[in-house]
Amino acid sequence: MKPQDYAAHLKCVEGKSWTEVYRLVQERYGEMKESRIRSWVRNHPLYRQGKEPEFDLQEAIFNDIQKPTTIQKLMDKYNLSKRMVLATIEDLKEEGYQIEINGDEIRLCKDIVPQENIIEVDWRGDKIIRFGLIGDTHFNSKHVQITHLHDFYDICAHEGIKDIYLAGDIDEGEEMRIGHKYECYNQGADEHVEEIVKNYPQRPGITTHFITGNHDQSLIKRAGFDIGYAIAAKRPDMKYLGMNNAIIKLTPNCTLELRHPIDGQSYALSYKTQKMIDAMQGGDKPNVLAVGHYHKAEYLFYRNIHTFQVGCFQAQTPYMKGKQVAAMVGGWIVEIHVDDEGTIKRCKGEFIPYYKMLKDDWKNWQ
């Protein structure tokens, strides 16, 4: 639901006071001027025409689980069977909301829960496996480089690449720090999802496999909303693999790990990846490691792991400039060779860089 519709619903349907409308809208969509919210309501068809929409059970239950409640209370309040309540909850989960059920208790969960995401690919004996590696596209940031990203996908399509793996932060997220909203050209989870669904590259025959990162997860902390599920539901060519980390079994004996750390930058380009690999347990190491988050491009072969820092598609922001963080814009095309058992024998990567940043590139895609 868009913030305009939500505000109008609160005022016109639920009869909330203006103070309550301001508070609830800001809790759900972030800080915004009260005059803006009031203008939305007064210009909305519900307010002008005095018409009320049909009762939305899913929206009503979503509002109820903002605070811990029970399935029995929901059954009694709406005169529903337990099956109907649980079916409505499943619909909300499919839209991307994290809902925790513990016995009869139920609540919207705004915690980042660590997951183990293992995906098996149907390997058909190919001895050469090629794919793209990217990360940190940061859609909805005023510094996103959508044109360069589309160009990268065009190159991949021309090269016959069928799979592109994205190592987190497909979206800019919200309220990462004070004043962060002014760096975004859309506000609210719905608008963020719509922008990605509309403008993220789509090429025949190419599937984008992605994890979410710390920026994406800001919407979980604010609204219990996992943007990954919502994107994948509306874009069949985009497959959501989970939060922060995913292990893809390219063959029975060759794994690709996508990782999006949450720590800060280091003094040296390779320091973070070296320490990351040092901390890996011997039997659990991947063959290929793709690291996002740092906005850097690097290839490192260490402890028998082919490691790629995947670069980014976001120009250096004023915040990054203040922190002396460079942005290496571009993506990789990777080619690995395996033997009959699927064990990796060779690996090579080509980084496709973009040097000239396009100011306000997001405006070219509106």
Protein backbone atom coordinates (compact mmCIF):
# COMPACT_ATOMS: atom_id res chain seq x y z
CA MET A 1 0.00 0.00 0.00
CA LYS A 2 1.33 3.42 -0.92
CA PRO A 3 1.74 5.96 1.88
CA GLN A 4 -0.96 8.18 0.33
CA ASP A 5 -3.51 5.34 0.43
CA TYR A 6 -2.47 4.30 3.93
CA ALA A 7 -2.87 7.84 5.30
CA ALA A 8 -6.28 8.23 3.66
CA HIS A 9 -7.39 4.83 4.99
CA LEU A 10 -6.38 5.75 8.53
CA LYS A 11 -8.28 9.05 8.42
CA CYS A 12 -11.32 8.23 6.31
CA VAL A 13 -11.94 4.58 7.09
CA GLU A 14 -10.56 4.04 10.59
CA GLY A 15 -11.42 7.53 11.77
CA LYS A 16 -8.02 8.22 13.32
CA SER A 17 -7.18 11.68 14.58
CA TRP A 18 -4.67 13.74 12.61
CA THR A 19 -2.10 13.17 15.37
CA GLU A 20 -2.56 9.39 15.10
CA VAL A 21 -2.39 9.53 11.30
CA TYR A 22 0.92 11.43 11.41
CA ARG A 23 2.40 9.02 13.92
CA LEU A 24 1.34 5.81 12.18
CA VAL A 25 2.38 6.96 8.70
CA GLN A 26 5.80 8.10 9.96
CA GLU A 27 6.32 4.85 11.88
CA ARG A 28 5.67 2.85 8.73
CA TYR A 29 7.25 5.00 6.01
CA GLY A 30 9.80 7.16 7.79
CA GLU A 31 10.02 10.80 8.78
CA MET A 32 8.07 13.25 6.60
CA LYS A 33 6.35 16.59 7.04
CA GLU A 34 2.89 16.56 8.59
CA SER A 35 1.72 19.04 5.96
CA ARG A 36 2.67 16.52 3.26
CA ILE A 37 0.63 13.77 4.92
CA ARG A 38 -2.33 16.11 5.40
CA SER A 39 -2.15 17.12 1.73
CA TRP A 40 -2.18 13.47 0.67
CA VAL A 41 -5.34 12.82 2.66
CA ARG A 42 -7.22 15.93 1.52
CA ASN A 43 -6.44 15.22 -2.15
CA HIS A 44 -7.31 11.55 -1.92
CA PRO A 45 -10.57 10.27 -3.50
CA LEU A 46 -11.62 8.77 -0.15
CA TYR A 47 -11.53 12.19 1.48
CA ARG A 48 -13.01 14.16 -1.39
CA GLN A 49 -15.82 11.76 -2.25
CA GLY A 50 -16.46 10.30 1.18
CA LYS A 51 -16.37 6.77 -0.23
CA GLU A 52 -14.96 3.88 1.74
CA PRO A 53 -13.21 0.94 0.07
CA GLU A 54 -14.13 -2.65 0.72
CA PHE A 55 -12.77 -4.07 3.95
CA ASP A 56 -9.20 -5.31 3.49
CA LEU A 57 -8.68 -8.27 5.83
CA GLN A 58 -5.00 -8.60 4.98
CA GLU A 59 -4.34 -4.94 5.81
CA ALA A 60 -6.36 -5.20 9.02
CA ILE A 61 -4.46 -8.25 10.27
CA PHE A 62 -1.16 -6.62 9.27
CA ASN A 63 -2.03 -3.65 11.49
CA ASP A 64 -2.95 -5.99 14.36
CA ILE A 65 0.37 -7.87 14.34
CA GLN A 66 2.45 -4.70 14.60
CA LYS A 67 2.36 -5.60 18.29
CA PRO A 68 2.38 -9.18 19.65
CA THR A 69 -1.08 -10.77 19.59
CA THR A 70 -2.53 -14.27 19.31
CA ILE A 71 -4.16 -16.25 16.55
CA GLN A 72 -7.19 -16.75 18.80
CA LYS A 73 -7.66 -12.98 19.21
CA LEU A 74 -7.56 -12.53 15.43
CA MET A 75 -10.10 -15.36 15.01
CA ASP A 76 -12.45 -13.74 17.53
CA LYS A 77 -12.01 -10.19 16.21
CA TYR A 78 -12.81 -11.05 12.58
CA ASN A 79 -14.98 -14.14 13.15
CA LEU A 80 -12.59 -16.31 11.15
CA SER A 81 -11.44 -19.90 11.32
CA LYS A 82 -7.85 -20.62 12.25
CA ARG A 83 -7.25 -21.80 8.68
CA MET A 84 -8.34 -18.44 7.26
CA VAL A 85 -6.14 -16.48 9.68
CA LEU A 86 -3.10 -18.61 8.83
CA ALA A 87 -3.83 -18.33 5.10
CA THR A 88 -3.88 -14.52 5.39
CA ILE A 89 -0.59 -14.64 7.30
CA GLU A 90 0.93 -16.76 4.53
CA ASP A 91 -0.16 -14.17 1.97
CA LEU A 92 1.65 -11.48 3.97
CA LYS A 93 4.76 -13.66 4.16
CA GLU A 94 4.73 -14.14 0.40
CA GLU A 95 4.69 -10.36 -0.01
CA GLY A 96 7.91 -10.17 2.01
CA TYR A 97 6.82 -9.52 5.59
CA GLN A 98 8.67 -11.39 8.33
CA ILE A 99 6.04 -12.85 10.65
CA GLU A 100 6.97 -14.93 13.67
CA ILE A 101 4.55 -17.55 15.01
CA ASN A 102 5.34 -19.18 18.35
CA GLY A 103 2.52 -21.46 19.40
CA ASP A 104 -0.57 -19.24 19.44
CA GLU A 105 1.44 -16.02 19.64
CA ILE A 106 2.10 -14.04 16.49
CA ARG A 107 3.96 -10.82 15.70
CA LEU A 108 5.63 -8.87 12.93
CA CYS A 109 9.36 -9.56 13.29
CA LYS A 110 11.76 -6.67 12.70
CA ASP A 111 14.89 -8.62 13.63
CA ILE A 112 17.60 -9.74 11.21
CA VAL A 113 17.67 -13.51 11.66
CA PRO A 114 20.85 -15.29 10.44
CA GLN A 115 20.11 -17.90 7.80
CA GLU A 116 21.91 -20.72 6.03
CA ASN A 117 21.05 -20.51 2.34
CA ILE A 118 22.25 -23.42 0.20
CA ILE A 119 21.15 -23.66 -3.43
CA GLU A 120 21.87 -26.59 -5.72
CA VAL A 121 22.21 -26.02 -9.46
CA ASP A 122 21.20 -28.73 -11.92
CA TRP A 123 24.67 -29.34 -13.35
CA ARG A 124 24.51 -31.12 -16.69
CA GLY A 125 28.16 -31.98 -17.02
CA ASP A 126 29.34 -28.73 -18.62
CA LYS A 127 33.11 -28.40 -18.35
CA ILE A 128 33.05 -24.61 -18.73
CA ILE A 129 30.76 -22.52 -16.53
CA ARG A 130 30.40 -18.78 -17.11
CA PHE A 131 28.48 -16.22 -15.08
CA GLY A 132 28.41 -12.56 -14.10
CA LEU A 133 29.22 -11.15 -10.65
CA ILE A 134 27.97 -7.78 -9.44
CA GLY A 135 26.85 -6.11 -6.24
CA ASP A 136 25.68 -2.95 -4.53
CA THR A 137 23.45 -1.54 -7.25
CA HIS A 138 21.70 0.69 -4.68
CA PHE A 139 18.53 1.42 -6.63
CA ASN A 140 16.59 4.40 -5.25
CA SER A 141 19.84 6.20 -4.41
CA LYS A 142 20.32 9.46 -6.29
CA HIS A 143 23.80 8.18 -7.15
CA VAL A 144 22.72 4.87 -8.74
CA GLN A 145 24.24 4.16 -12.17
CA ILE A 146 21.32 2.46 -13.94
CA THR A 147 22.61 3.20 -17.44
CA HIS A 148 25.96 1.54 -16.74
CA LEU A 149 24.20 -1.45 -15.19
CA HIS A 150 22.07 -1.89 -18.32
CA ASP A 151 25.21 -1.67 -20.43
CA PHE A 152 26.82 -4.41 -18.34
CA TYR A 153 23.78 -6.63 -18.90
CA ASP A 154 23.97 -5.93 -22.64
CA ILE A 155 27.59 -7.09 -22.62
CA CYS A 156 26.65 -10.22 -20.68
CA ALA A 157 23.84 -10.98 -23.12
CA HIS A 158 26.23 -10.55 -26.06
CA GLU A 159 28.73 -12.86 -24.35
CA GLY A 160 26.09 -15.56 -23.84
CA ILE A 161 25.98 -15.24 -20.05
CA LYS A 162 22.84 -16.85 -18.62
CA ASP A 163 23.29 -16.23 -14.88
CA ILE A 164 24.31 -13.10 -12.99
CA TYR A 165 24.87 -13.23 -9.23
CA LEU A 166 24.39 -10.09 -7.12
CA ALA A 167 26.12 -9.95 -3.72
CA GLY A 168 23.68 -7.76 -1.81
CA ASP A 169 22.37 -4.19 -1.53
CA ILE A 170 20.22 -4.21 -4.62
CA ASP A 171 18.40 -1.28 -2.96
CA GLU A 172 19.55 1.84 -1.11
CA GLY A 173 17.23 1.17 1.81
CA GLU A 174 15.94 3.84 4.18
CA GLU A 175 17.06 5.80 7.24
CA MET A 176 20.54 4.30 7.34
CA ARG A 177 21.66 7.45 9.16
CA ILE A 178 20.38 10.95 9.92
CA GLY A 179 19.55 12.75 6.69
CA HIS A 180 19.83 9.62 4.56
CA LYS A 181 16.33 10.06 3.13
CA TYR A 182 17.53 13.11 1.20
CA GLU A 183 19.89 10.84 -0.76
CA CYS A 184 16.92 8.75 -2.01
CA TYR A 185 14.60 9.64 -4.88
CA ASN A 186 11.80 7.38 -3.65
CA GLN A 187 10.37 6.95 -0.16
CA GLY A 188 8.65 3.92 1.32
CA ALA A 189 9.03 0.20 0.69
CA ASP A 190 6.37 0.03 -2.02
CA GLU A 191 8.00 2.76 -4.10
CA HIS A 192 11.43 1.15 -3.68
CA VAL A 193 10.13 -2.20 -4.91
CA GLU A 194 8.27 -0.64 -7.83
CA GLU A 195 11.41 1.17 -8.97
CA ILE A 196 13.50 -2.02 -8.98
CA VAL A 197 10.81 -4.06 -10.70
CA LYS A 198 10.45 -1.38 -13.38
CA ASN A 199 14.07 -0.41 -14.06
CA TYR A 200 16.34 -3.29 -13.05
CA PRO A 201 17.78 -4.81 -16.27
CA GLN A 202 15.81 -7.62 -17.85
CA ARG A 203 17.31 -9.53 -20.77
CA PRO A 204 15.94 -12.66 -22.50
CA GLY A 205 17.66 -15.76 -21.19
CA ILE A 206 19.42 -14.06 -18.26
CA THR A 207 18.49 -14.86 -14.65
CA THR A 208 19.61 -12.61 -11.81
CA HIS A 209 20.26 -14.43 -8.53
CA PHE A 210 20.59 -12.08 -5.56
CA ILE A 211 21.03 -11.86 -1.83
CA THR A 212 20.14 -8.84 0.28
CA GLY A 213 22.58 -6.72 2.28
CA ASN A 214 22.53 -4.29 5.16
CA HIS A 215 20.91 -1.47 3.15
CA ASP A 216 18.13 -3.77 1.93
CA GLN A 217 17.56 -4.96 5.49
CA SER A 218 16.87 -1.46 6.77
CA LEU A 219 13.28 -2.10 5.63
CA ILE A 220 13.14 -5.18 7.86
CA LYS A 221 14.23 -3.13 10.86
CA ARG A 222 11.69 -0.41 10.08
CA ALA A 223 8.70 -2.40 8.84
CA GLY A 224 9.46 -6.13 9.06
CA PHE A 225 9.60 -6.15 5.25
CA ASP A 226 12.10 -8.29 3.33
CA ILE A 227 12.39 -6.56 -0.03
CA GLY A 228 13.90 -9.65 -1.66
CA TYR A 229 10.65 -11.64 -1.63
CA ALA A 230 8.65 -8.72 -3.02
CA ILE A 231 11.06 -8.22 -5.92
CA ALA A 232 11.22 -11.92 -6.82
CA ALA A 233 7.41 -12.17 -6.73
CA LYS A 234 7.08 -9.48 -9.42
CA ARG A 235 10.11 -10.36 -11.56
CA PRO A 236 10.28 -14.02 -12.64
CA ASP A 237 13.82 -13.48 -13.96
CA MET A 238 15.08 -12.52 -10.49
CA LYS A 239 15.66 -15.24 -7.89
CA TYR A 240 16.01 -14.31 -4.21
CA LEU A 241 18.56 -16.50 -2.43
CA GLY A 242 18.32 -15.06 1.11
CA MET A 243 19.92 -12.52 3.41
CA ASN A 244 23.65 -11.72 3.65
CA ASN A 245 24.96 -15.04 2.41
CA ALA A 246 24.20 -17.85 -0.04
CA ILE A 247 26.13 -20.93 -1.14
CA ILE A 248 25.43 -22.06 -4.69
CA LYS A 249 26.52 -25.56 -5.66
CA LEU A 250 27.46 -25.00 -9.28
CA THR A 251 28.45 -28.68 -9.48
CA PRO A 252 28.56 -31.41 -6.83
CA ASN A 253 32.20 -30.43 -6.21
CA CYS A 254 32.29 -26.69 -6.92
CA THR A 255 30.64 -24.01 -4.80
CA LEU A 256 30.14 -20.29 -5.26
CA GLU A 257 29.53 -18.26 -2.12
CA LEU A 258 27.86 -14.84 -2.18
CA ARG A 259 28.62 -12.79 0.90
CA HIS A 260 27.62 -9.32 2.05
CA PRO A 261 29.50 -8.37 5.24
CA ILE A 262 28.33 -5.68 7.65
CA ASP A 263 31.63 -4.20 8.83
CA GLY A 264 33.44 -1.09 7.60
CA GLN A 265 36.25 -0.38 5.17
CA SER A 266 39.94 -1.20 5.76
CA TYR A 267 43.20 0.60 5.07
CA ALA A 268 44.18 -1.85 2.31
CA LEU A 269 42.12 -3.24 -0.58
CA SER A 270 42.73 -6.93 0.12
CA TYR A 271 42.80 -6.82 3.93
CA LYS A 272 39.11 -7.57 4.50
CA THR A 273 38.97 -10.49 2.10
CA GLN A 274 42.18 -11.98 3.48
CA LYS A 275 40.89 -11.85 7.06
CA MET A 276 37.54 -13.22 5.91
CA ILE A 277 39.25 -16.22 4.31
CA ASP A 278 41.56 -16.69 7.31
CA ALA A 279 38.47 -17.09 9.49
CA MET A 280 36.98 -19.87 7.33
CA GLN A 281 36.91 -23.41 8.62
CA GLY A 282 38.87 -25.83 6.47
CA GLY A 283 36.07 -28.09 5.26
CA ASP A 284 33.58 -25.30 4.66
CA LYS A 285 35.53 -23.12 2.23
CA PRO A 286 33.91 -22.29 -1.11
CA ASN A 287 35.77 -22.63 -4.40
CA VAL A 288 34.68 -19.17 -5.54
CA LEU A 289 33.85 -16.31 -3.17
CA ALA A 290 31.99 -13.16 -4.28
CA VAL A 291 32.10 -10.31 -1.77
CA GLY A 292 29.90 -7.24 -1.85
CA HIS A 293 29.44 -4.29 0.54
CA TYR A 294 32.84 -2.61 0.14
CA HIS A 295 32.18 -1.18 -3.36
CA LYS A 296 35.61 -2.44 -4.48
CA ALA A 297 36.87 -4.57 -7.36
CA GLU A 298 39.58 -7.15 -6.65
CA TYR A 299 40.65 -10.69 -7.54
CA LEU A 300 42.55 -12.70 -4.95
CA PHE A 301 43.58 -16.36 -4.92
CA TYR A 302 44.22 -17.36 -1.32
CA ARG A 303 43.80 -20.65 0.56
CA ASN A 304 42.64 -22.22 -2.72
CA ILE A 305 39.70 -19.80 -2.97
CA HIS A 306 39.13 -17.67 -6.06
CA THR A 307 37.89 -14.46 -4.43
CA PHE A 308 36.22 -11.53 -6.17
CA GLN A 309 35.24 -8.21 -4.70
CA VAL A 310 32.39 -7.57 -7.07
CA GLY A 311 32.46 -3.77 -7.51
CA CYS A 312 29.29 -1.68 -7.48
CA PHE A 313 26.89 0.37 -9.60
CA GLN A 314 26.62 3.40 -7.36
CA ALA A 315 28.77 6.49 -7.82
CA GLN A 316 30.63 7.84 -4.82
CA THR A 317 28.14 9.55 -2.54
CA PRO A 318 28.88 12.64 -0.42
CA TYR A 319 28.83 10.35 2.62
CA MET A 320 31.42 8.04 1.03
CA LYS A 321 33.54 11.00 0.03
CA GLY A 322 33.51 12.24 3.61
CA LYS A 323 34.59 8.80 4.80
CA GLN A 324 37.27 8.61 2.08
CA VAL A 325 35.65 5.56 0.51
CA ALA A 326 36.18 5.06 -3.22
CA ALA A 327 33.59 3.46 -5.50
CA MET A 328 34.84 1.02 -8.14
CA VAL A 329 31.94 0.89 -10.57
CA GLY A 330 31.58 -2.17 -12.78
CA GLY A 331 31.04 -5.93 -12.80
CA TRP A 332 32.78 -9.22 -13.53
CA ILE A 333 32.37 -11.94 -16.12
CA VAL A 334 33.82 -15.13 -14.65
CA GLU A 335 34.73 -18.36 -16.41
CA ILE A 336 35.61 -21.55 -14.56
CA HIS A 337 36.73 -24.90 -15.93
CA VAL A 338 35.85 -28.14 -14.15
CA ASP A 339 36.71 -31.81 -14.66
CA ASP A 340 34.37 -34.78 -15.09
CA GLU A 341 33.51 -34.76 -11.37
CA GLY A 342 32.83 -31.02 -11.39
CA THR A 343 36.00 -30.08 -9.52
CA ILE A 344 37.37 -26.66 -10.42
CA LYS A 345 40.62 -26.65 -12.37
CA ARG A 346 40.84 -23.11 -13.76
CA CYS A 347 39.28 -19.75 -13.09
CA LYS A 348 39.54 -16.43 -14.87
CA GLY A 349 37.69 -13.18 -14.52
CA GLU A 350 37.27 -10.03 -16.59
CA PHE A 351 36.29 -6.82 -14.83
CA ILE A 352 34.26 -4.40 -16.93
CA PRO A 353 34.82 -0.94 -15.42
CA TYR A 354 32.94 2.32 -15.85
CA TYR A 355 34.97 5.47 -15.34
CA LYS A 356 32.61 8.37 -16.09
CA MET A 357 29.77 8.66 -13.60
CA LEU A 358 26.40 9.94 -14.83
CA LYS A 359 25.01 12.65 -12.58
CA ASP A 360 21.35 12.14 -11.63
CA ASP A 361 21.21 9.09 -13.89
CA TRP A 362 18.01 7.96 -12.13
CA LYS A 363 16.15 10.81 -13.86
CA ASN A 364 16.88 9.18 -17.24
CA TRP A 365 14.75 6.20 -16.22
CA GLN A 366 11.65 7.93 -14.86
